[in-house]
């Protein structure tokens, strides 16, 4: 288990990759973001994107899963205060493989709760060509070891 004290500013973690399928794009969008360029191949072909693309929220969810598998699942996490600077740079298309990295930007002890610390990290998702497709800055809370407050 990784506690607040184990985390260093500048730490970079490769969180793995995942290939996005057409079926996943349509299924997610049908439930949560049913805009035509996410759910209808014919309409998407006539859109500015020239074809079906994943919802940005789908891209974020895929990257969040990779972040949990690559970093957060091993951390003594206590949730988060939110995310800042969420950006979608490039559409994700069927067959794209998205790779995620996480970099620790800052950390500080909590002023209101000595049992935890604040860890600010930047997540970046890249496609198979190395192009950024998404990024955000996460405002995480991580448990401190007993006796080290």
Protein backbone atom coordinates (compact mmCIF):
# COMPACT_ATOMS: atom_id res chain seq x y z
CA UNK A 1 0.00 0.00 0.00
CA UNK A 2 1.31 3.43 -0.93
CA UNK A 3 0.76 6.16 1.64
CA UNK A 4 1.18 9.93 1.39
CA UNK A 5 4.77 9.68 2.69
CA UNK A 6 5.70 7.28 -0.14
CA UNK A 7 4.68 9.70 -2.89
CA UNK A 8 7.28 12.04 -4.38
CA UNK A 9 6.73 15.13 -6.50
CA UNK A 10 7.85 14.25 -10.03
CA UNK A 11 6.86 10.58 -9.79
CA UNK A 12 5.57 9.41 -13.18
CA UNK A 13 3.59 6.19 -13.55
CA UNK A 14 2.66 4.47 -16.81
CA UNK A 15 -0.87 3.21 -16.24
CA UNK A 16 -1.24 0.88 -19.20
CA UNK A 17 -3.26 1.10 -22.38
CA UNK A 18 -6.60 0.07 -23.77
CA UNK A 19 -8.01 -0.23 -27.28
CA UNK A 20 -11.44 1.33 -27.77
CA UNK A 21 -14.01 -0.56 -29.85
CA UNK A 22 -16.89 0.75 -31.93
CA UNK A 23 -19.35 -1.23 -29.80
CA UNK A 24 -18.02 0.35 -26.59
CA UNK A 25 -18.29 3.84 -28.08
CA UNK A 26 -21.89 3.30 -29.14
CA UNK A 27 -22.91 1.53 -25.91
CA UNK A 28 -21.48 4.25 -23.66
CA UNK A 29 -22.90 7.08 -25.74
CA UNK A 30 -26.31 5.46 -26.03
CA UNK A 31 -26.55 5.48 -22.24
CA UNK A 32 -24.81 8.74 -21.34
CA UNK A 33 -24.09 11.05 -24.31
CA UNK A 34 -26.32 10.15 -27.28
CA UNK A 35 -25.10 12.82 -29.69
CA UNK A 36 -25.28 11.65 -33.29
CA UNK A 37 -21.50 11.53 -33.89
CA UNK A 38 -21.21 9.08 -30.96
CA UNK A 39 -24.07 6.72 -31.80
CA UNK A 40 -24.88 6.91 -35.53
CA UNK A 41 -22.16 5.95 -38.02
CA UNK A 42 -23.97 7.54 -40.96
CA UNK A 43 -24.52 10.87 -39.19
CA UNK A 44 -20.96 10.75 -37.82
CA UNK A 45 -19.58 10.39 -41.36
CA UNK A 46 -21.18 13.75 -42.22
CA UNK A 47 -19.94 15.42 -39.01
CA UNK A 48 -16.78 17.52 -38.73
CA UNK A 49 -15.08 14.38 -37.37
CA UNK A 50 -15.68 12.30 -40.50
CA UNK A 51 -16.72 9.26 -38.50
CA UNK A 52 -17.77 7.85 -35.17
CA UNK A 53 -15.94 9.23 -32.12
CA UNK A 54 -16.04 8.43 -28.41
CA UNK A 55 -17.75 10.79 -26.02
CA UNK A 56 -15.24 12.83 -24.07
CA UNK A 57 -16.86 11.44 -20.94
CA UNK A 58 -16.21 7.92 -22.22
CA UNK A 59 -12.57 8.82 -22.81
CA UNK A 60 -12.38 10.20 -19.27
CA UNK A 61 -13.96 7.05 -17.83
CA UNK A 62 -11.53 4.79 -19.75
CA UNK A 63 -8.59 6.82 -18.47
CA UNK A 64 -9.96 6.78 -14.93
CA UNK A 65 -10.06 2.98 -15.05
CA UNK A 66 -6.44 2.89 -16.18
CA UNK A 67 -5.52 5.34 -13.42
CA UNK A 68 -7.16 3.10 -10.81
CA UNK A 69 -5.42 0.01 -12.23
CA UNK A 70 -2.06 1.77 -12.50
CA UNK A 71 -1.90 4.02 -9.43
CA UNK A 72 -4.95 4.51 -7.27
CA UNK A 73 -5.64 0.84 -6.65
CA UNK A 74 -2.33 0.60 -4.76
CA UNK A 75 -2.73 3.89 -2.89
CA UNK A 76 -4.27 4.52 0.49
CA UNK A 77 -6.63 6.89 -1.29
CA UNK A 78 -9.36 8.79 0.49
CA UNK A 79 -11.12 10.18 -2.57
CA UNK A 80 -10.56 13.52 -4.22
CA UNK A 81 -11.63 17.12 -4.08
CA UNK A 82 -12.21 17.14 -7.82
CA UNK A 83 -10.36 17.71 -11.06
CA UNK A 84 -9.12 20.89 -12.69
CA UNK A 85 -8.14 21.67 -16.24
CA UNK A 86 -10.02 18.82 -17.92
CA UNK A 87 -9.19 19.02 -21.64
CA UNK A 88 -10.09 16.93 -24.67
CA UNK A 89 -7.47 17.53 -27.37
CA UNK A 90 -8.30 15.03 -30.07
CA UNK A 91 -11.26 12.75 -30.75
CA UNK A 92 -10.92 9.07 -29.90
CA UNK A 93 -12.04 6.79 -32.73
CA UNK A 94 -12.83 3.08 -32.87
CA UNK A 95 -9.59 1.10 -32.85
CA UNK A 96 -7.55 3.80 -31.08
CA UNK A 97 -5.35 2.56 -28.27
CA UNK A 98 -5.24 4.97 -25.34
CA UNK A 99 -2.24 4.96 -22.99
CA UNK A 100 -2.28 6.84 -19.69
CA UNK A 101 0.44 8.41 -17.57
CA UNK A 102 0.13 10.08 -14.19
CA UNK A 103 2.64 12.62 -12.86
CA UNK A 104 2.70 13.94 -9.29
CA UNK A 105 2.83 17.73 -9.47
CA UNK A 106 2.54 18.71 -5.82
CA UNK A 107 1.85 17.37 -2.36
CA UNK A 108 1.13 18.94 1.00
CA UNK A 109 -0.19 17.80 4.36
CA UNK A 110 -3.82 18.60 5.06
CA UNK A 111 -4.26 21.59 7.34
CA UNK A 112 -7.65 20.40 8.58
CA UNK A 113 -7.03 16.64 8.99
CA UNK A 114 -3.64 15.30 10.08
CA UNK A 115 -4.58 11.78 8.91
CA UNK A 116 -4.28 12.71 5.23
CA UNK A 117 -2.41 14.73 2.66
CA UNK A 118 -3.25 16.43 -0.61
CA UNK A 119 -1.64 15.08 -3.79
CA UNK A 120 -2.04 16.96 -7.06
CA UNK A 121 -1.38 14.83 -10.15
CA UNK A 122 -1.71 15.30 -13.88
CA UNK A 123 -3.23 12.51 -15.93
CA UNK A 124 -2.48 12.48 -19.65
CA UNK A 125 -4.00 10.09 -22.19
CA UNK A 126 -2.28 9.48 -25.54
CA UNK A 127 -3.39 7.64 -28.65
CA UNK A 128 -1.29 5.05 -30.49
CA UNK A 129 0.42 7.85 -32.47
CA UNK A 130 1.57 9.59 -29.28
CA UNK A 131 -0.95 12.42 -29.65
CA UNK A 132 -2.55 13.76 -26.47
CA UNK A 133 -6.26 13.03 -26.41
CA UNK A 134 -7.14 14.07 -22.83
CA UNK A 135 -5.64 15.50 -19.67
CA UNK A 136 -6.73 16.65 -16.24
CA UNK A 137 -5.26 17.66 -12.92
CA UNK A 138 -6.56 15.52 -10.07
CA UNK A 139 -6.83 16.82 -6.51
CA UNK A 140 -6.39 13.62 -4.54
CA UNK A 141 -6.51 12.86 -0.84
CA UNK A 142 -4.15 10.16 0.44
CA UNK A 143 -3.99 8.63 3.93
CA UNK A 144 -0.90 9.27 6.02
CA UNK A 145 0.78 6.50 7.98
CA UNK A 146 -0.19 6.22 11.63
CA UNK A 147 2.24 8.13 13.83
CA UNK A 148 3.66 10.24 11.00
CA UNK A 149 1.22 13.13 11.21
